[in-house]
Amino acid sequence: MPQGVTLDSPRLEDGAALWRIARDSRVLDLNSCYSYLLWCRDYAETSIVARSGDAGAHGEPGAPVGFITGYTRPAAPSTLLVWQVAVDETHRGRGLAAAMLDALTLRARSERGVDVIETTITPDNAASRRLFTSFATRHGAAVSREVLFDAAAFPEDGHAPEVLYRIGPIAPSHPHRPSPSQ
């Protein structure tokens, strides 16, 4: 966990900051600001926000510097679908995305019985592929891949296919840590 950063559930007032972080990523499909506000209201329990350590003068939480939005699938309630992962440019390269994913998974496992993580990744997104495959390795979980939505499913030209990564089952313990003899 990067120093000076805390993890928390998103709050309604975080919606605009999440939208800005997604917009500034220049990689994510940008949803409307309204959708991030709804996400912070309706899916806070299955999402996570990273906050800078700079609390306000009255003890209000620090500003969001990263987030993961997710939801449990209605047809598969033990599956957490990770929708978006984003880290503010000033906090990238410090392991924050992995720390958020580990913490969110641990919370979802504890509170909701989640034992499978799903996400979709376009073939050109090497950073997301690394994030989720290293997550699977840390948790000793299998990874399967299949095209969920091919390019023809999208109304605009040039959208890459979305490949579904299914990771699980996730062990009920903490992430895999090598024993001293390994």
N, C-alpha and C. Protein backbone atom coordinates (compact mmCIF):
# COMPACT_ATOMS: atom_id res chain seq x y z
N MET A 1 0.85 -1.18 0.00
CA MET A 1 0.00 0.00 0.00
C MET A 1 0.89 1.23 0.00
N PRO A 2 0.69 2.13 -0.97
CA PRO A 2 1.49 3.34 -0.99
C PRO A 2 1.30 4.17 0.28
N GLN A 3 2.38 4.73 0.75
CA GLN A 3 2.35 5.55 1.96
C GLN A 3 1.49 6.78 1.72
N GLY A 4 0.70 7.15 2.74
CA GLY A 4 -0.11 8.36 2.66
C GLY A 4 -1.43 8.18 1.93
N VAL A 5 -1.78 6.93 1.64
CA VAL A 5 -3.04 6.66 0.94
C VAL A 5 -3.86 5.72 1.81
N THR A 6 -5.16 5.96 1.90
CA THR A 6 -6.08 5.09 2.62
C THR A 6 -7.13 4.57 1.66
N LEU A 7 -7.73 3.44 2.01
CA LEU A 7 -8.78 2.84 1.19
C LEU A 7 -10.10 2.97 1.93
N ASP A 8 -11.17 3.19 1.17
CA ASP A 8 -12.46 3.50 1.76
C ASP A 8 -13.54 3.12 0.75
N SER A 9 -14.77 3.09 1.20
CA SER A 9 -15.89 2.96 0.28
C SER A 9 -16.17 4.32 -0.33
N PRO A 10 -16.58 4.36 -1.60
CA PRO A 10 -16.89 5.65 -2.20
C PRO A 10 -18.13 6.27 -1.57
N ARG A 11 -18.14 7.59 -1.55
CA ARG A 11 -19.28 8.37 -1.05
C ARG A 11 -19.86 9.16 -2.22
N LEU A 12 -21.10 9.55 -2.09
CA LEU A 12 -21.77 10.30 -3.15
C LEU A 12 -20.93 11.50 -3.61
N GLU A 13 -20.33 12.19 -2.67
CA GLU A 13 -19.55 13.39 -3.03
C GLU A 13 -18.26 13.05 -3.79
N ASP A 14 -17.92 11.76 -3.91
CA ASP A 14 -16.75 11.34 -4.68
C ASP A 14 -17.03 11.19 -6.17
N GLY A 15 -18.29 11.20 -6.56
CA GLY A 15 -18.66 10.91 -7.94
C GLY A 15 -17.95 11.77 -8.97
N ALA A 16 -17.89 13.07 -8.76
CA ALA A 16 -17.24 13.97 -9.72
C ALA A 16 -15.75 13.68 -9.82
N ALA A 17 -15.11 13.37 -8.69
CA ALA A 17 -13.68 13.06 -8.72
C ALA A 17 -13.42 11.75 -9.47
N LEU A 18 -14.28 10.75 -9.28
CA LEU A 18 -14.12 9.49 -10.00
C LEU A 18 -14.26 9.73 -11.50
N TRP A 19 -15.23 10.53 -11.90
CA TRP A 19 -15.41 10.87 -13.31
C TRP A 19 -14.15 11.53 -13.86
N ARG A 20 -13.57 12.48 -13.10
CA ARG A 20 -12.36 13.19 -13.54
C ARG A 20 -11.19 12.22 -13.69
N ILE A 21 -11.01 11.32 -12.73
CA ILE A 21 -9.91 10.35 -12.81
C ILE A 21 -10.08 9.46 -14.03
N ALA A 22 -11.31 9.00 -14.28
CA ALA A 22 -11.58 8.17 -15.47
C ALA A 22 -11.31 8.96 -16.75
N ARG A 23 -11.78 10.18 -16.79
CA ARG A 23 -11.56 11.03 -17.98
C ARG A 23 -10.07 11.25 -18.23
N ASP A 24 -9.34 11.56 -17.17
CA ASP A 24 -7.93 11.87 -17.32
C ASP A 24 -7.07 10.64 -17.62
N SER A 25 -7.63 9.45 -17.42
CA SER A 25 -6.87 8.23 -17.74
C SER A 25 -6.63 8.11 -19.24
N ARG A 26 -7.51 8.67 -20.03
CA ARG A 26 -7.45 8.59 -21.50
C ARG A 26 -7.43 7.16 -22.00
N VAL A 27 -7.78 6.21 -21.16
CA VAL A 27 -7.81 4.80 -21.53
C VAL A 27 -9.20 4.21 -21.33
N LEU A 28 -9.86 4.59 -20.23
CA LEU A 28 -11.16 4.02 -19.91
C LEU A 28 -12.26 4.59 -20.79
N ASP A 29 -13.29 3.79 -21.01
CA ASP A 29 -14.51 4.33 -21.62
C ASP A 29 -15.11 5.27 -20.58
N LEU A 30 -15.29 6.52 -20.94
CA LEU A 30 -15.80 7.50 -19.99
C LEU A 30 -17.31 7.45 -19.96
N ASN A 31 -17.86 7.21 -18.79
CA ASN A 31 -19.30 7.25 -18.58
C ASN A 31 -19.69 8.67 -18.18
N SER A 32 -20.98 8.95 -18.14
CA SER A 32 -21.41 10.29 -17.72
C SER A 32 -21.09 10.49 -16.25
N CYS A 33 -20.95 11.74 -15.85
CA CYS A 33 -20.71 12.04 -14.44
C CYS A 33 -21.87 11.50 -13.60
N TYR A 34 -23.06 11.59 -14.15
CA TYR A 34 -24.25 11.08 -13.46
C TYR A 34 -24.07 9.60 -13.10
N SER A 35 -23.51 8.81 -14.01
CA SER A 35 -23.35 7.38 -13.72
C SER A 35 -22.36 7.16 -12.56
N TYR A 36 -21.31 7.98 -12.46
CA TYR A 36 -20.38 7.83 -11.34
C TYR A 36 -21.04 8.23 -10.02
N LEU A 37 -21.92 9.24 -10.06
CA LEU A 37 -22.68 9.60 -8.86
C LEU A 37 -23.58 8.44 -8.43
N LEU A 38 -24.28 7.84 -9.39
CA LEU A 38 -25.12 6.69 -9.06
C LEU A 38 -24.29 5.53 -8.53
N TRP A 39 -23.12 5.31 -9.15
CA TRP A 39 -22.26 4.22 -8.71
C TRP A 39 -21.87 4.40 -7.26
N CYS A 40 -21.51 5.64 -6.89
CA CYS A 40 -21.11 5.92 -5.51
C CYS A 40 -22.28 5.74 -4.54
N ARG A 41 -23.48 5.93 -5.01
CA ARG A 41 -24.66 5.74 -4.16
C ARG A 41 -25.08 4.28 -4.09
N ASP A 42 -25.19 3.62 -5.24
CA ASP A 42 -25.81 2.30 -5.30
C ASP A 42 -24.85 1.13 -5.21
N TYR A 43 -23.59 1.32 -5.54
CA TYR A 43 -22.63 0.21 -5.55
C TYR A 43 -21.40 0.48 -4.69
N ALA A 44 -21.55 1.31 -3.68
CA ALA A 44 -20.43 1.63 -2.80
C ALA A 44 -19.90 0.40 -2.07
N GLU A 45 -20.76 -0.53 -1.75
CA GLU A 45 -20.33 -1.73 -1.01
C GLU A 45 -19.47 -2.66 -1.85
N THR A 46 -19.55 -2.55 -3.16
CA THR A 46 -18.77 -3.42 -4.04
C THR A 46 -17.77 -2.62 -4.87
N SER A 47 -17.45 -1.44 -4.38
CA SER A 47 -16.48 -0.57 -5.02
C SER A 47 -15.52 -0.07 -3.95
N ILE A 48 -14.43 0.55 -4.38
CA ILE A 48 -13.43 1.05 -3.42
C ILE A 48 -12.82 2.31 -3.98
N VAL A 49 -12.43 3.20 -3.08
CA VAL A 49 -11.75 4.43 -3.47
C VAL A 49 -10.47 4.55 -2.64
N ALA A 50 -9.41 5.00 -3.29
CA ALA A 50 -8.16 5.32 -2.59
C ALA A 50 -8.15 6.82 -2.37
N ARG A 51 -7.78 7.22 -1.17
CA ARG A 51 -7.78 8.64 -0.81
C ARG A 51 -6.38 9.10 -0.44
N SER A 52 -6.07 10.32 -0.82
CA SER A 52 -4.81 10.91 -0.38
C SER A 52 -4.88 11.09 1.12
N GLY A 53 -3.75 11.12 1.77
CA GLY A 53 -3.72 11.25 3.22
C GLY A 53 -4.04 12.63 3.71
N ASP A 54 -4.29 13.57 2.80
CA ASP A 54 -4.54 14.95 3.19
C ASP A 54 -6.00 15.15 3.57
N ALA A 55 -6.31 14.98 4.84
CA ALA A 55 -7.67 15.22 5.31
C ALA A 55 -7.91 16.71 5.42
N GLY A 56 -9.16 17.09 5.32
CA GLY A 56 -9.52 18.50 5.43
C GLY A 56 -9.39 19.01 6.86
N ALA A 57 -9.56 20.30 7.03
CA ALA A 57 -9.42 20.94 8.34
C ALA A 57 -10.43 20.41 9.35
N HIS A 58 -11.56 19.93 8.88
CA HIS A 58 -12.61 19.43 9.77
C HIS A 58 -12.67 17.91 9.80
N GLY A 59 -11.59 17.26 9.37
CA GLY A 59 -11.53 15.80 9.43
C GLY A 59 -12.21 15.09 8.28
N GLU A 60 -12.67 15.82 7.27
CA GLU A 60 -13.29 15.15 6.12
C GLU A 60 -12.21 14.35 5.39
N PRO A 61 -12.62 13.30 4.70
CA PRO A 61 -11.64 12.40 4.07
C PRO A 61 -10.83 13.09 2.98
N GLY A 62 -9.66 12.52 2.70
CA GLY A 62 -8.81 13.03 1.63
C GLY A 62 -9.47 12.84 0.27
N ALA A 63 -8.90 13.50 -0.71
CA ALA A 63 -9.45 13.46 -2.07
C ALA A 63 -9.18 12.10 -2.71
N PRO A 64 -10.12 11.61 -3.52
CA PRO A 64 -9.88 10.36 -4.25
C PRO A 64 -8.70 10.48 -5.20
N VAL A 65 -7.84 9.44 -5.20
CA VAL A 65 -6.71 9.37 -6.13
C VAL A 65 -6.75 8.08 -6.94
N GLY A 66 -7.76 7.27 -6.70
CA GLY A 66 -7.94 6.04 -7.45
C GLY A 66 -9.26 5.41 -7.06
N PHE A 67 -9.73 4.50 -7.91
CA PHE A 67 -10.98 3.81 -7.59
C PHE A 67 -11.10 2.52 -8.38
N ILE A 68 -11.94 1.65 -7.86
CA ILE A 68 -12.41 0.48 -8.58
C ILE A 68 -13.92 0.45 -8.40
N THR A 69 -14.64 0.35 -9.51
CA THR A 69 -16.08 0.17 -9.44
C THR A 69 -16.38 -1.29 -9.77
N GLY A 70 -17.31 -1.84 -9.04
CA GLY A 70 -17.69 -3.22 -9.26
C GLY A 70 -19.09 -3.50 -8.75
N TYR A 71 -19.60 -4.66 -9.10
CA TYR A 71 -20.91 -5.09 -8.61
C TYR A 71 -20.95 -6.61 -8.59
N THR A 72 -21.80 -7.15 -7.72
CA THR A 72 -22.01 -8.59 -7.76
C THR A 72 -23.06 -8.88 -8.82
N ARG A 73 -22.78 -9.90 -9.61
CA ARG A 73 -23.67 -10.22 -10.72
C ARG A 73 -24.98 -10.79 -10.19
N PRO A 74 -26.13 -10.26 -10.62
CA PRO A 74 -27.42 -10.76 -10.14
C PRO A 74 -27.60 -12.27 -10.38
N ALA A 75 -27.14 -12.77 -11.52
CA ALA A 75 -27.31 -14.20 -11.84
C ALA A 75 -26.24 -15.07 -11.19
N ALA A 76 -25.21 -14.44 -10.63
CA ALA A 76 -24.10 -15.17 -9.99
C ALA A 76 -23.61 -14.34 -8.81
N PRO A 77 -24.34 -14.31 -7.69
CA PRO A 77 -24.02 -13.39 -6.59
C PRO A 77 -22.67 -13.62 -5.91
N SER A 78 -22.01 -14.73 -6.17
CA SER A 78 -20.67 -14.93 -5.61
C SER A 78 -19.59 -14.45 -6.57
N THR A 79 -20.00 -13.76 -7.64
CA THR A 79 -19.06 -13.22 -8.63
C THR A 79 -19.08 -11.70 -8.57
N LEU A 80 -17.91 -11.12 -8.38
CA LEU A 80 -17.75 -9.67 -8.41
C LEU A 80 -17.26 -9.28 -9.80
N LEU A 81 -18.05 -8.49 -10.51
CA LEU A 81 -17.63 -7.97 -11.81
C LEU A 81 -16.93 -6.64 -11.55
N VAL A 82 -15.67 -6.55 -11.89
CA VAL A 82 -14.92 -5.30 -11.76
C VAL A 82 -15.13 -4.51 -13.04
N TRP A 83 -15.75 -3.36 -12.91
CA TRP A 83 -16.13 -2.54 -14.05
C TRP A 83 -14.99 -1.65 -14.51
N GLN A 84 -14.47 -0.83 -13.63
CA GLN A 84 -13.37 0.07 -13.99
C GLN A 84 -12.35 0.13 -12.86
N VAL A 85 -11.09 0.24 -13.26
CA VAL A 85 -9.97 0.46 -12.33
C VAL A 85 -9.24 1.69 -12.84
N ALA A 86 -9.06 2.68 -11.98
CA ALA A 86 -8.35 3.89 -12.40
C ALA A 86 -7.54 4.45 -11.25
N VAL A 87 -6.36 4.96 -11.59
CA VAL A 87 -5.49 5.61 -10.61
C VAL A 87 -5.07 6.94 -11.21
N ASP A 88 -5.16 7.99 -10.39
CA ASP A 88 -4.73 9.31 -10.82
C ASP A 88 -3.27 9.26 -11.24
N GLU A 89 -2.95 10.02 -12.28
CA GLU A 89 -1.61 10.00 -12.85
C GLU A 89 -0.52 10.21 -11.80
N THR A 90 -0.77 11.04 -10.80
CA THR A 90 0.24 11.34 -9.78
C THR A 90 0.50 10.18 -8.84
N HIS A 91 -0.33 9.15 -8.87
CA HIS A 91 -0.18 8.01 -7.96
C HIS A 91 0.08 6.69 -8.69
N ARG A 92 0.31 6.74 -9.98
CA ARG A 92 0.54 5.51 -10.74
C ARG A 92 1.94 4.95 -10.48
N GLY A 93 2.09 3.65 -10.71
CA GLY A 93 3.38 3.01 -10.61
C GLY A 93 3.82 2.71 -9.18
N ARG A 94 2.88 2.77 -8.23
CA ARG A 94 3.21 2.52 -6.83
C ARG A 94 2.45 1.34 -6.24
N GLY A 95 1.78 0.57 -7.09
CA GLY A 95 1.05 -0.61 -6.61
C GLY A 95 -0.33 -0.32 -6.06
N LEU A 96 -0.85 0.87 -6.31
CA LEU A 96 -2.14 1.24 -5.76
C LEU A 96 -3.29 0.42 -6.36
N ALA A 97 -3.28 0.18 -7.66
CA ALA A 97 -4.36 -0.60 -8.28
C ALA A 97 -4.40 -2.01 -7.67
N ALA A 98 -3.25 -2.64 -7.50
CA ALA A 98 -3.21 -3.98 -6.91
C ALA A 98 -3.69 -3.96 -5.46
N ALA A 99 -3.29 -2.94 -4.70
CA ALA A 99 -3.73 -2.83 -3.30
C ALA A 99 -5.24 -2.66 -3.22
N MET A 100 -5.81 -1.83 -4.11
CA MET A 100 -7.26 -1.64 -4.12
C MET A 100 -7.97 -2.94 -4.48
N LEU A 101 -7.46 -3.65 -5.50
CA LEU A 101 -8.10 -4.89 -5.93
C LEU A 101 -8.06 -5.94 -4.84
N ASP A 102 -6.92 -6.07 -4.17
CA ASP A 102 -6.81 -7.03 -3.06
C ASP A 102 -7.78 -6.67 -1.93
N ALA A 103 -7.82 -5.40 -1.54
CA ALA A 103 -8.69 -4.97 -0.45
C ALA A 103 -10.16 -5.13 -0.79
N LEU A 104 -10.53 -4.76 -2.00
CA LEU A 104 -11.93 -4.90 -2.42
C LEU A 104 -12.34 -6.38 -2.43
N THR A 105 -11.47 -7.22 -2.94
CA THR A 105 -11.78 -8.65 -2.98
C THR A 105 -11.93 -9.23 -1.58
N LEU A 106 -11.03 -8.86 -0.69
CA LEU A 106 -11.10 -9.34 0.69
C LEU A 106 -12.42 -8.91 1.34
N ARG A 107 -12.81 -7.66 1.13
CA ARG A 107 -14.07 -7.15 1.70
C ARG A 107 -15.27 -7.87 1.07
N ALA A 108 -15.27 -8.02 -0.25
CA ALA A 108 -16.39 -8.67 -0.93
C ALA A 108 -16.48 -10.15 -0.53
N ARG A 109 -15.35 -10.77 -0.32
CA ARG A 109 -15.33 -12.18 0.13
C ARG A 109 -15.94 -12.28 1.51
N SER A 110 -15.52 -11.38 2.41
CA SER A 110 -15.98 -11.41 3.79
C SER A 110 -17.46 -11.04 3.91
N GLU A 111 -17.88 -10.00 3.23
CA GLU A 111 -19.24 -9.48 3.38
C GLU A 111 -20.26 -10.13 2.47
N ARG A 112 -19.84 -10.66 1.31
CA ARG A 112 -20.79 -11.15 0.32
C ARG A 112 -20.53 -12.57 -0.16
N GLY A 113 -19.46 -13.19 0.33
CA GLY A 113 -19.16 -14.55 -0.10
C GLY A 113 -18.63 -14.65 -1.51
N VAL A 114 -18.06 -13.57 -2.02
CA VAL A 114 -17.51 -13.57 -3.38
C VAL A 114 -16.32 -14.51 -3.44
N ASP A 115 -16.31 -15.37 -4.47
CA ASP A 115 -15.15 -16.25 -4.66
C ASP A 115 -14.66 -16.27 -6.11
N VAL A 116 -15.26 -15.42 -6.95
CA VAL A 116 -14.85 -15.29 -8.35
C VAL A 116 -14.84 -13.81 -8.70
N ILE A 117 -13.81 -13.40 -9.43
CA ILE A 117 -13.71 -12.03 -9.95
C ILE A 117 -13.81 -12.14 -11.47
N GLU A 118 -14.62 -11.26 -12.06
CA GLU A 118 -14.69 -11.14 -13.51
C GLU A 118 -14.37 -9.70 -13.89
N THR A 119 -13.77 -9.54 -15.04
CA THR A 119 -13.56 -8.23 -15.62
C THR A 119 -13.43 -8.42 -17.12
N THR A 120 -13.60 -7.34 -17.87
CA THR A 120 -13.32 -7.42 -19.30
C THR A 120 -12.15 -6.49 -19.61
N ILE A 121 -11.31 -6.95 -20.53
CA ILE A 121 -10.11 -6.22 -20.91
C ILE A 121 -9.98 -6.27 -22.42
N THR A 122 -9.70 -5.13 -23.03
CA THR A 122 -9.44 -5.13 -24.46
C THR A 122 -8.03 -5.67 -24.71
N PRO A 123 -7.82 -6.32 -25.85
CA PRO A 123 -6.52 -6.95 -26.12
C PRO A 123 -5.32 -5.99 -26.05
N ASP A 124 -5.53 -4.70 -26.28
CA ASP A 124 -4.42 -3.75 -26.27
C ASP A 124 -4.09 -3.18 -24.88
N ASN A 125 -4.81 -3.60 -23.85
CA ASN A 125 -4.62 -3.03 -22.51
C ASN A 125 -3.69 -3.92 -21.68
N ALA A 126 -2.40 -3.78 -21.92
CA ALA A 126 -1.39 -4.61 -21.25
C ALA A 126 -1.38 -4.37 -19.74
N ALA A 127 -1.59 -3.13 -19.30
CA ALA A 127 -1.55 -2.84 -17.86
C ALA A 127 -2.65 -3.60 -17.12
N SER A 128 -3.85 -3.63 -17.67
CA SER A 128 -4.94 -4.37 -17.02
C SER A 128 -4.70 -5.87 -17.05
N ARG A 129 -4.17 -6.37 -18.15
CA ARG A 129 -3.85 -7.81 -18.21
C ARG A 129 -2.86 -8.16 -17.11
N ARG A 130 -1.82 -7.35 -16.93
CA ARG A 130 -0.83 -7.60 -15.87
C ARG A 130 -1.47 -7.52 -14.49
N LEU A 131 -2.30 -6.51 -14.26
CA LEU A 131 -2.94 -6.34 -12.96
C LEU A 131 -3.75 -7.57 -12.58
N PHE A 132 -4.58 -8.06 -13.51
CA PHE A 132 -5.47 -9.16 -13.16
C PHE A 132 -4.77 -10.52 -13.17
N THR A 133 -3.80 -10.72 -14.02
CA THR A 133 -3.08 -12.00 -13.99
C THR A 133 -2.18 -12.07 -12.75
N SER A 134 -1.58 -10.95 -12.34
CA SER A 134 -0.78 -10.99 -11.11
C SER A 134 -1.69 -11.15 -9.89
N PHE A 135 -2.89 -10.58 -9.93
CA PHE A 135 -3.86 -10.80 -8.86
C PHE A 135 -4.16 -12.29 -8.73
N ALA A 136 -4.43 -12.94 -9.86
CA ALA A 136 -4.72 -14.38 -9.84
C ALA A 136 -3.55 -15.16 -9.24
N THR A 137 -2.34 -14.81 -9.62
CA THR A 137 -1.16 -15.49 -9.08
C THR A 137 -1.07 -15.30 -7.57
N ARG A 138 -1.24 -14.06 -7.09
CA ARG A 138 -1.17 -13.79 -5.64
C ARG A 138 -2.21 -14.59 -4.88
N HIS A 139 -3.35 -14.82 -5.49
CA HIS A 139 -4.45 -15.50 -4.80
C HIS A 139 -4.54 -16.99 -5.15
N GLY A 140 -3.58 -17.48 -5.92
CA GLY A 140 -3.57 -18.90 -6.27
C GLY A 140 -4.81 -19.33 -7.03
N ALA A 141 -5.32 -18.45 -7.87
CA ALA A 141 -6.58 -18.71 -8.58
C ALA A 141 -6.32 -18.91 -10.08
N ALA A 142 -7.17 -19.72 -10.68
CA ALA A 142 -7.10 -19.96 -12.12
C ALA A 142 -7.69 -18.76 -12.87
N VAL A 143 -7.22 -18.58 -14.11
CA VAL A 143 -7.74 -17.52 -14.98
C VAL A 143 -8.24 -18.17 -16.26
N SER A 144 -9.48 -17.88 -16.63
CA SER A 144 -9.96 -18.28 -17.95
C SER A 144 -10.28 -17.02 -18.73
N ARG A 145 -10.16 -17.12 -20.04
CA ARG A 145 -10.40 -15.97 -20.93
C ARG A 145 -11.28 -16.40 -22.09
N GLU A 146 -12.21 -15.52 -22.44
CA GLU A 146 -13.03 -15.72 -23.64
C GLU A 146 -13.60 -14.37 -24.06
N VAL A 147 -13.83 -14.21 -25.34
CA VAL A 147 -14.42 -12.95 -25.82
C VAL A 147 -15.85 -12.88 -25.32
N LEU A 148 -16.16 -11.82 -24.59
CA LEU A 148 -17.53 -11.62 -24.11
C LEU A 148 -18.33 -10.81 -25.13
N PHE A 149 -17.73 -9.70 -25.60
CA PHE A 149 -18.37 -8.86 -26.61
C PHE A 149 -17.37 -8.66 -27.73
N ASP A 150 -17.69 -9.16 -28.94
CA ASP A 150 -16.76 -8.92 -30.05
C ASP A 150 -16.97 -7.50 -30.57
N ALA A 151 -16.08 -7.05 -31.41
CA ALA A 151 -16.10 -5.67 -31.89
C ALA A 151 -17.42 -5.31 -32.57
N ALA A 152 -18.05 -6.27 -33.22
CA ALA A 152 -19.31 -6.01 -33.93
C ALA A 152 -20.46 -5.69 -32.98
N ALA A 153 -20.34 -6.01 -31.70
CA ALA A 153 -21.41 -5.75 -30.74
C ALA A 153 -21.53 -4.26 -30.40
N PHE A 154 -20.50 -3.47 -30.69
CA PHE A 154 -20.48 -2.06 -30.33
C PHE A 154 -20.96 -1.21 -31.50
N PRO A 155 -21.74 -0.17 -31.22
CA PRO A 155 -22.29 0.64 -32.31
C PRO A 155 -21.26 1.51 -33.03
N GLU A 156 -20.18 1.87 -32.36
CA GLU A 156 -19.18 2.72 -33.01
C GLU A 156 -18.09 1.86 -33.64
N ASP A 157 -17.54 2.36 -34.72
CA ASP A 157 -16.45 1.65 -35.38
C ASP A 157 -15.18 1.75 -34.55
N GLY A 158 -14.37 0.73 -34.62
CA GLY A 158 -13.06 0.77 -33.99
C GLY A 158 -13.00 0.31 -32.56
N HIS A 159 -14.14 -0.08 -31.96
CA HIS A 159 -14.08 -0.58 -30.58
C HIS A 159 -13.49 -1.97 -30.59
N ALA A 160 -12.51 -2.20 -29.76
CA ALA A 160 -11.88 -3.52 -29.68
C ALA A 160 -12.81 -4.49 -28.96
N PRO A 161 -12.62 -5.79 -29.19
CA PRO A 161 -13.42 -6.76 -28.44
C PRO A 161 -13.10 -6.68 -26.95
N GLU A 162 -14.07 -7.04 -26.15
CA GLU A 162 -13.90 -7.09 -24.69
C GLU A 162 -13.75 -8.56 -24.30
N VAL A 163 -12.58 -8.89 -23.77
CA VAL A 163 -12.28 -10.26 -23.37
C VAL A 163 -12.61 -10.42 -21.89
N LEU A 164 -13.45 -11.40 -21.58
CA LEU A 164 -13.83 -11.68 -20.20
C LEU A 164 -12.72 -12.48 -19.53
N TYR A 165 -12.20 -11.95 -18.43
CA TYR A 165 -11.26 -12.67 -17.57
C TYR A 165 -12.06 -13.13 -16.37
N ARG A 166 -12.04 -14.42 -16.13
CA ARG A 166 -12.75 -15.01 -14.99
C ARG A 166 -11.67 -15.62 -14.09
N ILE A 167 -11.59 -15.12 -12.86
CA ILE A 167 -10.54 -15.50 -11.93
C ILE A 167 -11.18 -16.16 -10.72
N GLY A 168 -10.81 -17.41 -10.48
CA GLY A 168 -11.38 -18.08 -9.31
C GLY A 168 -11.27 -19.57 -9.45
N PRO A 169 -11.64 -20.26 -8.41
CA PRO A 169 -12.13 -19.68 -7.16
C PRO A 169 -11.00 -19.03 -6.36
N ILE A 170 -11.39 -18.01 -5.62
CA ILE A 170 -10.45 -17.29 -4.77
C ILE A 170 -10.50 -17.94 -3.39
N ALA A 171 -9.37 -18.30 -2.88
CA ALA A 171 -9.29 -18.96 -1.57
C ALA A 171 -9.79 -18.02 -0.49
N PRO A 172 -10.39 -18.57 0.57
CA PRO A 172 -10.92 -17.72 1.63
C PRO A 172 -9.85 -17.03 2.47
N SER A 173 -8.60 -17.44 2.33
CA SER A 173 -7.54 -16.82 3.12
C SER A 173 -7.03 -15.57 2.44
N HIS A 174 -6.04 -14.97 3.05
CA HIS A 174 -5.40 -13.78 2.48
C HIS A 174 -4.67 -14.17 1.21
N PRO A 175 -4.22 -13.16 0.43
CA PRO A 175 -3.48 -13.47 -0.79
C PRO A 175 -2.32 -14.41 -0.54
N HIS A 176 -2.01 -15.20 -1.53
CA HIS A 176 -0.92 -16.18 -1.43
C HIS A 176 0.39 -15.48 -1.08
N ARG A 177 0.99 -15.97 -0.04
CA ARG A 177 2.30 -15.47 0.34
C ARG A 177 3.21 -16.69 0.44
N PRO A 178 4.35 -16.67 -0.23
CA PRO A 178 5.23 -17.81 -0.16
C PRO A 178 5.66 -18.09 1.28
N SER A 179 5.73 -19.36 1.60
CA SER A 179 6.21 -19.72 2.94
C SER A 179 7.71 -19.50 3.00
N PRO A 180 8.28 -19.40 4.21
CA PRO A 180 9.71 -19.15 4.31
C PRO A 180 10.57 -20.18 3.58
N SER A 181 10.04 -21.39 3.39
CA SER A 181 10.84 -22.42 2.72
C SER A 181 10.78 -22.30 1.20
N GLN A 182 9.90 -21.44 0.66
CA GLN A 182 9.79 -21.30 -0.80
C GLN A 182 10.78 -20.33 -1.34
